Full PDB file with SEQRES, HELIX, SHEET, SSBOND, CRYST1, ORIGX, SCALE, CONECT and MASTER records, all heavy atoms in Angstrom:
SEQRES   1 A   40  SER LEU MET GLN THR SER ASP LYS VAL LEU LEU ARG LYS          
SEQRES   2 A   40  ARG ALA LEU VAL GLU THR VAL ASN ASP GLU LEU LYS ASN          
SEQRES   3 A   40  THR TYR GLN ILE GLU HIS THR ARG HIS ARG SER VAL ASP          
SEQRES   4 A   40  ASN                                                          
HELIX    1 AA1 THR A    5  ARG A   12  1                                   8    
HELIX    2 AA2 ALA A   15  ASN A   26  1                                  12    
CRYST1    1.000    1.000    1.000  90.00  90.00  90.00 P 1           1          
ORIGX1      1.000000  0.000000  0.000000        0.00000                         
ORIGX2      0.000000  1.000000  0.000000        0.00000                         
ORIGX3      0.000000  0.000000  1.000000        0.00000                         
SCALE1      1.000000  0.000000  0.000000        0.00000                         
SCALE2      0.000000  1.000000  0.000000        0.00000                         
SCALE3      0.000000  0.000000  1.000000        0.00000                         
ATOM      1  N   SER A   1       0.864  -1.184  -0.003  1.00  0.00           N  
ATOM      2  CA  SER A   1       0.001   0.032   0.008  1.00  0.00           C  
ATOM      3  C   SER A   1       0.877   1.249   0.019  1.00  0.00           C  
ATOM      4  O   SER A   1       2.028   1.239   0.506  1.00  0.00           O  
ATOM      5  CB  SER A   1      -0.903   0.039   1.209  1.00  0.00           C  
ATOM      6  OG  SER A   1      -0.141  -0.039   2.399  1.00  0.00           O  
ATOM      7  N   LEU A   2       0.358   2.322  -0.537  1.00  0.00           N  
ATOM      8  CA  LEU A   2       1.076   3.578  -0.577  1.00  0.00           C  
ATOM      9  C   LEU A   2       1.216   4.162   0.801  1.00  0.00           C  
ATOM     10  O   LEU A   2       0.320   4.143   1.618  1.00  0.00           O  
ATOM     11  CB  LEU A   2       0.392   4.592  -1.524  1.00  0.00           C  
ATOM     12  CG  LEU A   2       0.302   4.176  -3.037  1.00  0.00           C  
ATOM     13  CD1 LEU A   2      -0.514   5.201  -3.747  1.00  0.00           C  
ATOM     14  CD2 LEU A   2       1.689   4.046  -3.573  1.00  0.00           C  
ATOM     15  N   MET A   3       2.383   4.724   1.050  1.00  0.00           N  
ATOM     16  CA  MET A   3       2.637   5.346   2.363  1.00  0.00           C  
ATOM     17  C   MET A   3       3.539   6.595   2.134  1.00  0.00           C  
ATOM     18  O   MET A   3       4.414   6.615   1.229  1.00  0.00           O  
ATOM     19  CB  MET A   3       3.397   4.378   3.250  1.00  0.00           C  
ATOM     20  CG  MET A   3       3.645   4.859   4.627  1.00  0.00           C  
ATOM     21  SD  MET A   3       4.637   3.637   5.673  1.00  0.00           S  
ATOM     22  CE  MET A   3       3.496   2.256   5.724  1.00  0.00           C  
ATOM     23  N   GLN A   4       3.257   7.607   2.905  1.00  0.00           N  
ATOM     24  CA  GLN A   4       4.085   8.805   2.789  1.00  0.00           C  
ATOM     25  C   GLN A   4       5.490   8.552   3.193  1.00  0.00           C  
ATOM     26  O   GLN A   4       5.789   7.754   4.055  1.00  0.00           O  
ATOM     27  CB  GLN A   4       3.487   9.894   3.662  1.00  0.00           C  
ATOM     28  CG  GLN A   4       2.115  10.378   3.282  1.00  0.00           C  
ATOM     29  CD  GLN A   4       1.610  11.497   4.177  1.00  0.00           C  
ATOM     30  OE1 GLN A   4       2.308  11.913   5.119  1.00  0.00           O  
ATOM     31  NE2 GLN A   4       0.361  11.958   3.983  1.00  0.00           N  
ATOM     32  N   THR A   5       6.398   9.281   2.511  1.00  0.00           N  
ATOM     33  CA  THR A   5       7.873   9.095   2.771  1.00  0.00           C  
ATOM     34  C   THR A   5       8.147   9.416   4.240  1.00  0.00           C  
ATOM     35  O   THR A   5       9.017   8.671   4.870  1.00  0.00           O  
ATOM     36  CB  THR A   5       8.678  10.007   1.870  1.00  0.00           C  
ATOM     37  OG1 THR A   5       8.260   9.766   0.515  1.00  0.00           O  
ATOM     38  CG2 THR A   5      10.190   9.716   2.036  1.00  0.00           C  
ATOM     39  N   SER A   6       7.599  10.396   4.816  1.00  0.00           N  
ATOM     40  CA  SER A   6       7.873  10.766   6.185  1.00  0.00           C  
ATOM     41  C   SER A   6       7.443   9.572   7.142  1.00  0.00           C  
ATOM     42  O   SER A   6       8.077   9.317   8.094  1.00  0.00           O  
ATOM     43  CB  SER A   6       7.156  12.030   6.572  1.00  0.00           C  
ATOM     44  OG  SER A   6       5.737  11.890   6.381  1.00  0.00           O  
ATOM     45  N   ASP A   7       6.297   8.920   6.802  1.00  0.00           N  
ATOM     46  CA  ASP A   7       5.837   7.808   7.645  1.00  0.00           C  
ATOM     47  C   ASP A   7       6.803   6.617   7.511  1.00  0.00           C  
ATOM     48  O   ASP A   7       7.038   5.895   8.494  1.00  0.00           O  
ATOM     49  CB  ASP A   7       4.433   7.322   7.181  1.00  0.00           C  
ATOM     50  CG  ASP A   7       3.382   8.381   7.511  1.00  0.00           C  
ATOM     51  OD1 ASP A   7       3.683   9.326   8.294  1.00  0.00           O  
ATOM     52  OD2 ASP A   7       2.231   8.317   6.976  1.00  0.00           O  
ATOM     53  N   LYS A   8       7.381   6.364   6.311  1.00  0.00           N  
ATOM     54  CA  LYS A   8       8.334   5.306   6.184  1.00  0.00           C  
ATOM     55  C   LYS A   8       9.593   5.548   6.991  1.00  0.00           C  
ATOM     56  O   LYS A   8      10.141   4.638   7.596  1.00  0.00           O  
ATOM     57  CB  LYS A   8       8.743   5.201   4.678  1.00  0.00           C  
ATOM     58  CG  LYS A   8       7.605   4.681   3.791  1.00  0.00           C  
ATOM     59  CD  LYS A   8       8.129   4.537   2.328  1.00  0.00           C  
ATOM     60  CE  LYS A   8       7.067   4.013   1.427  1.00  0.00           C  
ATOM     61  NZ  LYS A   8       7.557   3.868   0.039  1.00  0.00           N  
ATOM     62  N   VAL A   9      10.029   6.815   7.033  1.00  0.00           N  
ATOM     63  CA  VAL A   9      11.178   7.145   7.817  1.00  0.00           C  
ATOM     64  C   VAL A   9      10.973   6.940   9.336  1.00  0.00           C  
ATOM     65  O   VAL A   9      11.734   6.342  10.031  1.00  0.00           O  
ATOM     66  CB  VAL A   9      11.641   8.630   7.558  1.00  0.00           C  
ATOM     67  CG1 VAL A   9      12.780   8.977   8.493  1.00  0.00           C  
ATOM     68  CG2 VAL A   9      12.082   8.731   6.086  1.00  0.00           C  
ATOM     69  N   LEU A  10       9.780   7.410   9.803  1.00  0.00           N  
ATOM     70  CA  LEU A  10       9.475   7.301  11.176  1.00  0.00           C  
ATOM     71  C   LEU A  10       9.243   5.857  11.601  1.00  0.00           C  
ATOM     72  O   LEU A  10       9.478   5.433  12.697  1.00  0.00           O  
ATOM     73  CB  LEU A  10       8.296   8.153  11.534  1.00  0.00           C  
ATOM     74  CG  LEU A  10       8.508   9.651  11.521  1.00  0.00           C  
ATOM     75  CD1 LEU A  10       7.184  10.444  11.681  1.00  0.00           C  
ATOM     76  CD2 LEU A  10       9.475  10.037  12.637  1.00  0.00           C  
ATOM     77  N   LEU A  11       8.677   5.067  10.667  1.00  0.00           N  
ATOM     78  CA  LEU A  11       8.444   3.689  10.961  1.00  0.00           C  
ATOM     79  C   LEU A  11       9.767   2.913  11.157  1.00  0.00           C  
ATOM     80  O   LEU A  11       9.820   1.981  11.917  1.00  0.00           O  
ATOM     81  CB  LEU A  11       7.687   2.982   9.755  1.00  0.00           C  
ATOM     82  CG  LEU A  11       7.023   1.683  10.000  1.00  0.00           C  
ATOM     83  CD1 LEU A  11       6.072   1.690  11.211  1.00  0.00           C  
ATOM     84  CD2 LEU A  11       6.293   1.181   8.765  1.00  0.00           C  
ATOM     85  N   ARG A  12      10.826   3.332  10.479  1.00  0.00           N  
ATOM     86  CA  ARG A  12      12.152   2.706  10.658  1.00  0.00           C  
ATOM     87  C   ARG A  12      12.682   3.118  12.089  1.00  0.00           C  
ATOM     88  O   ARG A  12      13.581   2.403  12.559  1.00  0.00           O  
ATOM     89  CB  ARG A  12      13.077   3.173   9.620  1.00  0.00           C  
ATOM     90  CG  ARG A  12      12.759   2.691   8.200  1.00  0.00           C  
ATOM     91  CD  ARG A  12      13.639   3.330   7.189  1.00  0.00           C  
ATOM     92  NE  ARG A  12      13.169   2.998   5.773  1.00  0.00           N  
ATOM     93  CZ  ARG A  12      13.681   3.515   4.703  1.00  0.00           C  
ATOM     94  NH1 ARG A  12      14.550   4.489   4.839  1.00  0.00           N  
ATOM     95  NH2 ARG A  12      13.239   3.187   3.547  1.00  0.00           N  
ATOM     96  N   LYS A  13      12.216   4.196  12.635  1.00  0.00           N  
ATOM     97  CA  LYS A  13      12.667   4.605  13.889  1.00  0.00           C  
ATOM     98  C   LYS A  13      11.868   4.048  15.102  1.00  0.00           C  
ATOM     99  O   LYS A  13      12.046   4.474  16.211  1.00  0.00           O  
ATOM    100  CB  LYS A  13      12.575   6.232  13.990  1.00  0.00           C  
ATOM    101  CG  LYS A  13      13.485   6.849  13.007  1.00  0.00           C  
ATOM    102  CD  LYS A  13      14.929   6.708  13.372  1.00  0.00           C  
ATOM    103  CE  LYS A  13      15.872   7.496  12.453  1.00  0.00           C  
ATOM    104  NZ  LYS A  13      17.295   7.359  12.835  1.00  0.00           N  
ATOM    105  N   ARG A  14      11.030   3.093  14.756  1.00  0.00           N  
ATOM    106  CA  ARG A  14      10.166   2.497  15.815  1.00  0.00           C  
ATOM    107  C   ARG A  14      10.992   1.751  16.880  1.00  0.00           C  
ATOM    108  O   ARG A  14      10.489   1.501  17.956  1.00  0.00           O  
ATOM    109  CB  ARG A  14       9.188   1.545  15.182  1.00  0.00           C  
ATOM    110  CG  ARG A  14       7.986   1.183  16.045  1.00  0.00           C  
ATOM    111  CD  ARG A  14       7.305  -0.055  15.581  1.00  0.00           C  
ATOM    112  NE  ARG A  14       8.196  -1.169  15.631  1.00  0.00           N  
ATOM    113  CZ  ARG A  14       8.418  -1.828  16.789  1.00  0.00           C  
ATOM    114  NH1 ARG A  14       7.826  -1.526  17.914  1.00  0.00           N  
ATOM    115  NH2 ARG A  14       9.226  -2.827  16.765  1.00  0.00           N  
ATOM    116  N   ALA A  15      12.260   1.441  16.510  1.00  0.00           N  
ATOM    117  CA  ALA A  15      13.092   0.772  17.514  1.00  0.00           C  
ATOM    118  C   ALA A  15      13.377   1.595  18.762  1.00  0.00           C  
ATOM    119  O   ALA A  15      13.867   1.133  19.781  1.00  0.00           O  
ATOM    120  CB  ALA A  15      14.401   0.369  16.868  1.00  0.00           C  
ATOM    121  N   LEU A  16      12.984   2.850  18.696  1.00  0.00           N  
ATOM    122  CA  LEU A  16      13.192   3.796  19.806  1.00  0.00           C  
ATOM    123  C   LEU A  16      12.427   3.263  21.058  1.00  0.00           C  
ATOM    124  O   LEU A  16      12.932   3.302  22.178  1.00  0.00           O  
ATOM    125  CB  LEU A  16      12.713   5.179  19.463  1.00  0.00           C  
ATOM    126  CG  LEU A  16      12.722   6.231  20.562  1.00  0.00           C  
ATOM    127  CD1 LEU A  16      14.167   6.547  21.003  1.00  0.00           C  
ATOM    128  CD2 LEU A  16      11.993   7.523  20.124  1.00  0.00           C  
ATOM    129  N   VAL A  17      11.205   2.814  20.825  1.00  0.00           N  
ATOM    130  CA  VAL A  17      10.396   2.367  21.951  1.00  0.00           C  
ATOM    131  C   VAL A  17      10.987   1.018  22.576  1.00  0.00           C  
ATOM    132  O   VAL A  17      10.840   0.796  23.759  1.00  0.00           O  
ATOM    133  CB  VAL A  17       8.939   2.136  21.508  1.00  0.00           C  
ATOM    134  CG1 VAL A  17       8.799   0.998  20.506  1.00  0.00           C  
ATOM    135  CG2 VAL A  17       8.037   1.888  22.720  1.00  0.00           C  
ATOM    136  N   GLU A  18      11.605   0.259  21.738  1.00  0.00           N  
ATOM    137  CA  GLU A  18      12.288  -0.952  22.271  1.00  0.00           C  
ATOM    138  C   GLU A  18      13.522  -0.572  23.068  1.00  0.00           C  
ATOM    139  O   GLU A  18      13.833  -1.298  24.041  1.00  0.00           O  
ATOM    140  CB  GLU A  18      12.703  -1.847  21.067  1.00  0.00           C  
ATOM    141  CG  GLU A  18      11.463  -2.371  20.292  1.00  0.00           C  
ATOM    142  CD  GLU A  18      11.944  -3.231  19.067  1.00  0.00           C  
ATOM    143  OE1 GLU A  18      13.155  -3.407  18.866  1.00  0.00           O  
ATOM    144  OE2 GLU A  18      11.056  -3.714  18.409  1.00  0.00           O  
ATOM    145  N   THR A  19      14.184   0.505  22.698  1.00  0.00           N  
ATOM    146  CA  THR A  19      15.299   1.023  23.545  1.00  0.00           C  
ATOM    147  C   THR A  19      14.802   1.426  24.893  1.00  0.00           C  
ATOM    148  O   THR A  19      15.468   1.244  25.923  1.00  0.00           O  
ATOM    149  CB  THR A  19      15.984   2.116  22.843  1.00  0.00           C  
ATOM    150  OG1 THR A  19      16.398   1.724  21.530  1.00  0.00           O  
ATOM    151  CG2 THR A  19      17.229   2.579  23.575  1.00  0.00           C  
ATOM    152  N   VAL A  20      13.633   2.091  24.941  1.00  0.00           N  
ATOM    153  CA  VAL A  20      13.099   2.517  26.229  1.00  0.00           C  
ATOM    154  C   VAL A  20      12.728   1.318  27.087  1.00  0.00           C  
ATOM    155  O   VAL A  20      13.051   1.308  28.296  1.00  0.00           O  
ATOM    156  CB  VAL A  20      11.835   3.399  25.963  1.00  0.00           C  
ATOM    157  CG1 VAL A  20      11.099   3.693  27.293  1.00  0.00           C  
ATOM    158  CG2 VAL A  20      12.231   4.659  25.229  1.00  0.00           C  
ATOM    159  N   ASN A  21      12.153   0.279  26.477  1.00  0.00           N  
ATOM    160  CA  ASN A  21      11.902  -0.955  27.220  1.00  0.00           C  
ATOM    161  C   ASN A  21      13.128  -1.597  27.786  1.00  0.00           C  
ATOM    162  O   ASN A  21      13.123  -2.117  28.901  1.00  0.00           O  
ATOM    163  CB  ASN A  21      11.128  -1.937  26.352  1.00  0.00           C  
ATOM    164  CG  ASN A  21       9.680  -1.599  26.059  1.00  0.00           C  
ATOM    165  OD1 ASN A  21       9.042  -0.997  26.969  1.00  0.00           O  
ATOM    166  ND2 ASN A  21       9.188  -1.974  24.918  1.00  0.00           N  
ATOM    167  N   ASP A  22      14.247  -1.514  27.010  1.00  0.00           N  
ATOM    168  CA  ASP A  22      15.466  -2.090  27.443  1.00  0.00           C  
ATOM    169  C   ASP A  22      16.012  -1.272  28.641  1.00  0.00           C  
ATOM    170  O   ASP A  22      16.565  -1.827  29.631  1.00  0.00           O  
ATOM    171  CB  ASP A  22      16.516  -2.033  26.307  1.00  0.00           C  
ATOM    172  CG  ASP A  22      17.847  -2.708  26.676  1.00  0.00           C  
ATOM    173  OD1 ASP A  22      17.838  -3.938  26.834  1.00  0.00           O  
ATOM    174  OD2 ASP A  22      18.811  -1.984  26.860  1.00  0.00           O  
ATOM    175  N   GLU A  23      15.870   0.081  28.617  1.00  0.00           N  
ATOM    176  CA  GLU A  23      16.310   0.904  29.768  1.00  0.00           C  
ATOM    177  C   GLU A  23      15.465   0.556  31.009  1.00  0.00           C  
ATOM    178  O   GLU A  23      16.010   0.413  32.133  1.00  0.00           O  
ATOM    179  CB  GLU A  23      16.135   2.364  29.373  1.00  0.00           C  
ATOM    180  CG  GLU A  23      17.153   2.893  28.447  1.00  0.00           C  
ATOM    181  CD  GLU A  23      18.435   3.277  29.133  1.00  0.00           C  
ATOM    182  OE1 GLU A  23      18.497   3.261  30.367  1.00  0.00           O  
ATOM    183  OE2 GLU A  23      19.403   3.542  28.437  1.00  0.00           O  
ATOM    184  N   LEU A  24      14.175   0.359  30.816  1.00  0.00           N  
ATOM    185  CA  LEU A  24      13.337   0.105  32.009  1.00  0.00           C  
ATOM    186  C   LEU A  24      13.693  -1.216  32.634  1.00  0.00           C  
ATOM    187  O   LEU A  24      13.692  -1.376  33.880  1.00  0.00           O  
ATOM    188  CB  LEU A  24      11.848   0.037  31.589  1.00  0.00           C  
ATOM    189  CG  LEU A  24      11.266   1.406  31.185  1.00  0.00           C  
ATOM    190  CD1 LEU A  24       9.879   1.227  30.587  1.00  0.00           C  
ATOM    191  CD2 LEU A  24      11.191   2.363  32.399  1.00  0.00           C  
ATOM    192  N   LYS A  25      14.070  -2.258  31.810  1.00  0.00           N  
ATOM    193  CA  LYS A  25      14.332  -3.559  32.350  1.00  0.00           C  
ATOM    194  C   LYS A  25      15.763  -3.692  32.926  1.00  0.00           C  
ATOM    195  O   LYS A  25      15.957  -4.174  34.008  1.00  0.00           O  
ATOM    196  CB  LYS A  25      14.161  -4.629  31.232  1.00  0.00           C  
ATOM    197  CG  LYS A  25      12.670  -4.897  30.878  1.00  0.00           C  
ATOM    198  CD  LYS A  25      12.610  -6.061  29.947  1.00  0.00           C  
ATOM    199  CE  LYS A  25      11.158  -6.500  29.703  1.00  0.00           C  
ATOM    200  NZ  LYS A  25      11.084  -7.628  28.840  1.00  0.00           N  
ATOM    201  N   ASN A  26      16.705  -3.219  32.191  1.00  0.00           N  
ATOM    202  CA  ASN A  26      18.119  -3.360  32.606  1.00  0.00           C  
ATOM    203  C   ASN A  26      18.612  -2.342  33.538  1.00  0.00           C  
ATOM    204  O   ASN A  26      19.474  -2.646  34.392  1.00  0.00           O  
ATOM    205  CB  ASN A  26      19.017  -3.414  31.373  1.00  0.00           C  
ATOM    206  CG  ASN A  26      18.710  -4.621  30.415  1.00  0.00           C  
ATOM    207  OD1 ASN A  26      18.341  -5.683  30.927  1.00  0.00           O  
ATOM    208  ND2 ASN A  26      18.759  -4.393  29.140  1.00  0.00           N  
ATOM    209  N   THR A  27      18.165  -1.124  33.426  1.00  0.00           N  
ATOM    210  CA  THR A  27      18.663  -0.071  34.334  1.00  0.00           C  
ATOM    211  C   THR A  27      17.778   0.101  35.571  1.00  0.00           C  
ATOM    212  O   THR A  27      18.290   0.242  36.664  1.00  0.00           O  
ATOM    213  CB  THR A  27      18.721   1.296  33.555  1.00  0.00           C  
ATOM    214  OG1 THR A  27      19.520   1.164  32.354  1.00  0.00           O  
ATOM    215  CG2 THR A  27      19.316   2.380  34.435  1.00  0.00           C  
ATOM    216  N   TYR A  28      16.497   0.085  35.365  1.00  0.00           N  
ATOM    217  CA  TYR A  28      15.555   0.235  36.502  1.00  0.00           C  
ATOM    218  C   TYR A  28      14.845  -1.003  36.992  1.00  0.00           C  
ATOM    219  O   TYR A  28      14.028  -0.931  37.901  1.00  0.00           O  
ATOM    220  CB  TYR A  28      14.512   1.303  36.078  1.00  0.00           C  
ATOM    221  CG  TYR A  28      15.193   2.618  35.733  1.00  0.00           C  
ATOM    222  CD1 TYR A  28      15.315   2.978  34.375  1.00  0.00           C  
ATOM    223  CD2 TYR A  28      15.717   3.463  36.625  1.00  0.00           C  
ATOM    224  CE1 TYR A  28      15.918   4.234  34.039  1.00  0.00           C  
ATOM    225  CE2 TYR A  28      16.351   4.631  36.322  1.00  0.00           C  
ATOM    226  CZ  TYR A  28      16.443   4.986  35.022  1.00  0.00           C  
ATOM    227  OH  TYR A  28      17.093   6.192  34.632  1.00  0.00           O  
ATOM    228  N   GLN A  29      15.230  -2.094  36.414  1.00  0.00           N  
ATOM    229  CA  GLN A  29      14.849  -3.491  36.907  1.00  0.00           C  
ATOM    230  C   GLN A  29      13.369  -3.597  37.198  1.00  0.00           C  
ATOM    231  O   GLN A  29      12.975  -4.031  38.338  1.00  0.00           O  
ATOM    232  CB  GLN A  29      15.643  -3.781  38.156  1.00  0.00           C  
ATOM    233  CG  GLN A  29      17.170  -3.817  37.888  1.00  0.00           C  
ATOM    234  CD  GLN A  29      18.034  -4.105  39.157  1.00  0.00           C  
ATOM    235  OE1 GLN A  29      17.468  -4.257  40.237  1.00  0.00           O  
ATOM    236  NE2 GLN A  29      19.258  -4.091  38.997  1.00  0.00           N  
ATOM    237  N   ILE A  30      12.556  -3.273  36.241  1.00  0.00           N  
ATOM    238  CA  ILE A  30      11.133  -3.459  36.470  1.00  0.00           C  
ATOM    239  C   ILE A  30      10.751  -4.939  36.248  1.00  0.00           C  
ATOM    240  O   ILE A  30       9.665  -5.324  36.607  1.00  0.00           O  
ATOM    241  CB  ILE A  30      10.270  -2.605  35.462  1.00  0.00           C  
ATOM    242  CG1 ILE A  30      10.540  -3.061  33.989  1.00  0.00           C  
ATOM    243  CG2 ILE A  30      10.616  -1.093  35.688  1.00  0.00           C  
ATOM    244  CD1 ILE A  30       9.623  -2.363  33.002  1.00  0.00           C  
ATOM    245  N   GLU A  31      11.693  -5.719  35.747  1.00  0.00           N  
ATOM    246  CA  GLU A  31      11.464  -7.174  35.581  1.00  0.00           C  
ATOM    247  C   GLU A  31      12.473  -7.953  36.381  1.00  0.00           C  
ATOM    248  O   GLU A  31      13.679  -7.827  36.083  1.00  0.00           O  
ATOM    249  CB  GLU A  31      11.492  -7.576  34.062  1.00  0.00           C  
ATOM    250  CG  GLU A  31      11.297  -9.052  33.846  1.00  0.00           C  
ATOM    251  CD  GLU A  31      11.663  -9.515  32.430  1.00  0.00           C  
ATOM    252  OE1 GLU A  31      12.688  -9.026  31.922  1.00  0.00           O  
ATOM    253  OE2 GLU A  31      10.956 -10.293  31.887  1.00  0.00           O  
ATOM    254  N   HIS A  32      12.020  -8.751  37.333  1.00  0.00           N  
ATOM    255  CA  HIS A  32      12.896  -9.737  38.021  1.00  0.00           C  
ATOM    256  C   HIS A  32      12.004 -10.750  38.674  1.00  0.00           C  
ATOM    257  O   HIS A  32      10.796 -10.643  38.671  1.00  0.00           O  
ATOM    258  CB  HIS A  32      13.774  -9.073  39.063  1.00  0.00           C  
ATOM    259  CG  HIS A  32      13.109  -8.372  40.190  1.00  0.00           C  
ATOM    260  ND1 HIS A  32      12.610  -9.086  41.283  1.00  0.00           N  
ATOM    261  CD2 HIS A  32      12.794  -7.070  40.409  1.00  0.00           C  
ATOM    262  CE1 HIS A  32      11.999  -8.222  42.058  1.00  0.00           C  
ATOM    263  NE2 HIS A  32      12.135  -7.008  41.619  1.00  0.00           N  
ATOM    264  N   THR A  33      12.563 -11.829  39.124  1.00  0.00           N  
ATOM    265  CA  THR A  33      11.807 -12.976  39.607  1.00  0.00           C  
ATOM    266  C   THR A  33      11.888 -13.121  41.122  1.00  0.00           C  
ATOM    267  O   THR A  33      11.731 -14.217  41.681  1.00  0.00           O  
ATOM    268  CB  THR A  33      12.354 -14.279  38.922  1.00  0.00           C  
ATOM    269  OG1 THR A  33      13.726 -14.426  39.253  1.00  0.00           O  
ATOM    270  CG2 THR A  33      12.139 -14.206  37.443  1.00  0.00           C  
ATOM    271  N   ARG A  34      12.074 -11.981  41.845  1.00  0.00           N  
ATOM    272  CA  ARG A  34      12.263 -12.070  43.271  1.00  0.00           C  
ATOM    273  C   ARG A  34      11.036 -11.489  44.035  1.00  0.00           C  
ATOM    274  O   ARG A  34      11.123 -11.228  45.240  1.00  0.00           O  
ATOM    275  CB  ARG A  34      13.504 -11.352  43.724  1.00  0.00           C  
ATOM    276  CG  ARG A  34      14.798 -11.933  43.088  1.00  0.00           C  
ATOM    277  CD  ARG A  34      16.071 -11.209  43.586  1.00  0.00           C  
ATOM    278  NE  ARG A  34      16.008  -9.766  43.335  1.00  0.00           N  
ATOM    279  CZ  ARG A  34      16.344  -9.259  42.148  1.00  0.00           C  
ATOM    280  NH1 ARG A  34      16.720 -10.058  41.135  1.00  0.00           N  
ATOM    281  NH2 ARG A  34      16.341  -7.956  41.988  1.00  0.00           N  
ATOM    282  N   HIS A  35       9.968 -11.174  43.321  1.00  0.00           N  
ATOM    283  CA  HIS A  35       8.811 -10.596  43.972  1.00  0.00           C  
ATOM    284  C   HIS A  35       8.150 -11.615  44.875  1.00  0.00           C  
ATOM    285  O   HIS A  35       8.102 -12.871  44.559  1.00  0.00           O  
ATOM    286  CB  HIS A  35       7.774 -10.137  42.934  1.00  0.00           C  
ATOM    287  CG  HIS A  35       8.281  -9.012  42.076  1.00  0.00           C  
ATOM    288  ND1 HIS A  35       8.564  -7.720  42.544  1.00  0.00           N  
ATOM    289  CD2 HIS A  35       8.530  -8.975  40.747  1.00  0.00           C  
ATOM    290  CE1 HIS A  35       8.960  -6.989  41.572  1.00  0.00           C  
ATOM    291  NE2 HIS A  35       9.003  -7.672  40.481  1.00  0.00           N  
ATOM    292  N   ARG A  36       7.577 -11.128  45.993  1.00  0.00           N  
ATOM    293  CA  ARG A  36       6.931 -11.986  46.918  1.00  0.00           C  
ATOM    294  C   ARG A  36       5.470 -11.605  47.132  1.00  0.00           C  
ATOM    295  O   ARG A  36       4.765 -12.197  47.959  1.00  0.00           O  
ATOM    296  CB  ARG A  36       7.678 -12.014  48.298  1.00  0.00           C  
ATOM    297  CG  ARG A  36       9.045 -12.629  48.214  1.00  0.00           C  
ATOM    298  CD  ARG A  36       8.922 -14.098  47.901  1.00  0.00           C  
ATOM    299  NE  ARG A  36      10.280 -14.692  47.677  1.00  0.00           N  
ATOM    300  CZ  ARG A  36      10.769 -14.861  46.476  1.00  0.00           C  
ATOM    301  NH1 ARG A  36      10.178 -14.499  45.332  1.00  0.00           N  
ATOM    302  NH2 ARG A  36      12.023 -15.475  46.344  1.00  0.00           N  
ATOM    303  N   SER A  37       4.912 -10.602  46.376  1.00  0.00           N  
ATOM    304  CA  SER A  37       3.574 -10.262  46.420  1.00  0.00           C  
ATOM    305  C   SER A  37       3.201  -9.438  45.187  1.00  0.00           C  
ATOM    306  O   SER A  37       4.071  -8.850  44.577  1.00  0.00           O  
ATOM    307  CB  SER A  37       3.183  -9.536  47.715  1.00  0.00           C  
ATOM    308  OG  SER A  37       3.749  -8.171  47.705  1.00  0.00           O  
ATOM    309  N   VAL A  38       1.912  -9.401  44.876  1.00  0.00           N  
ATOM    310  CA  VAL A  38       1.466  -8.602  43.725  1.00  0.00           C  
ATOM    311  C   VAL A  38       1.657  -7.108  44.021  1.00  0.00           C  
ATOM    312  O   VAL A  38       2.064  -6.328  43.130  1.00  0.00           O  
ATOM    313  CB  VAL A  38      -0.004  -8.930  43.418  1.00  0.00           C  
ATOM    314  CG1 VAL A  38      -0.513  -8.149  42.204  1.00  0.00           C  
ATOM    315  CG2 VAL A  38      -0.183 -10.397  43.142  1.00  0.00           C  
ATOM    316  N   ASP A  39       1.390  -6.685  45.250  1.00  0.00           N  
ATOM    317  CA  ASP A  39       1.538  -5.261  45.563  1.00  0.00           C  
ATOM    318  C   ASP A  39       2.926  -4.771  45.393  1.00  0.00           C  
ATOM    319  O   ASP A  39       3.167  -3.692  44.844  1.00  0.00           O  
ATOM    320  CB  ASP A  39       1.105  -5.072  47.057  1.00  0.00           C  
ATOM    321  CG  ASP A  39      -0.367  -5.344  47.301  1.00  0.00           C  
ATOM    322  OD1 ASP A  39      -1.142  -5.218  46.302  1.00  0.00           O  
ATOM    323  OD2 ASP A  39      -0.690  -5.718  48.417  1.00  0.00           O  
ATOM    324  N   ASN A  40       3.896  -5.610  45.790  1.00  0.00           N  
ATOM    325  CA  ASN A  40       5.283  -5.137  45.590  1.00  0.00           C  
ATOM    326  C   ASN A  40       5.741  -5.185  44.124  1.00  0.00           C  
ATOM    327  O   ASN A  40       6.600  -4.441  43.724  1.00  0.00           O  
ATOM    328  CB  ASN A  40       6.261  -6.051  46.413  1.00  0.00           C  
ATOM    329  CG  ASN A  40       6.136  -5.756  47.954  1.00  0.00           C  
ATOM    330  OD1 ASN A  40       5.618  -4.706  48.301  1.00  0.00           O  
ATOM    331  ND2 ASN A  40       6.563  -6.667  48.727  1.00  0.00           N  
TER     332      ASN A  40                                                      
MASTER        0    0    0    2    0    0    0    6  331    1    0    4          
END                                                                             
């Protein structure tokens, strides 16, 4: 399907959100297996 050139360029930059997820997991440790309750 036809797509604007600007949309194609920004679509290639979608990896930005994956970089944010990587920061949240590796730097701020929102994912680990040591939780002992849902609240925590």
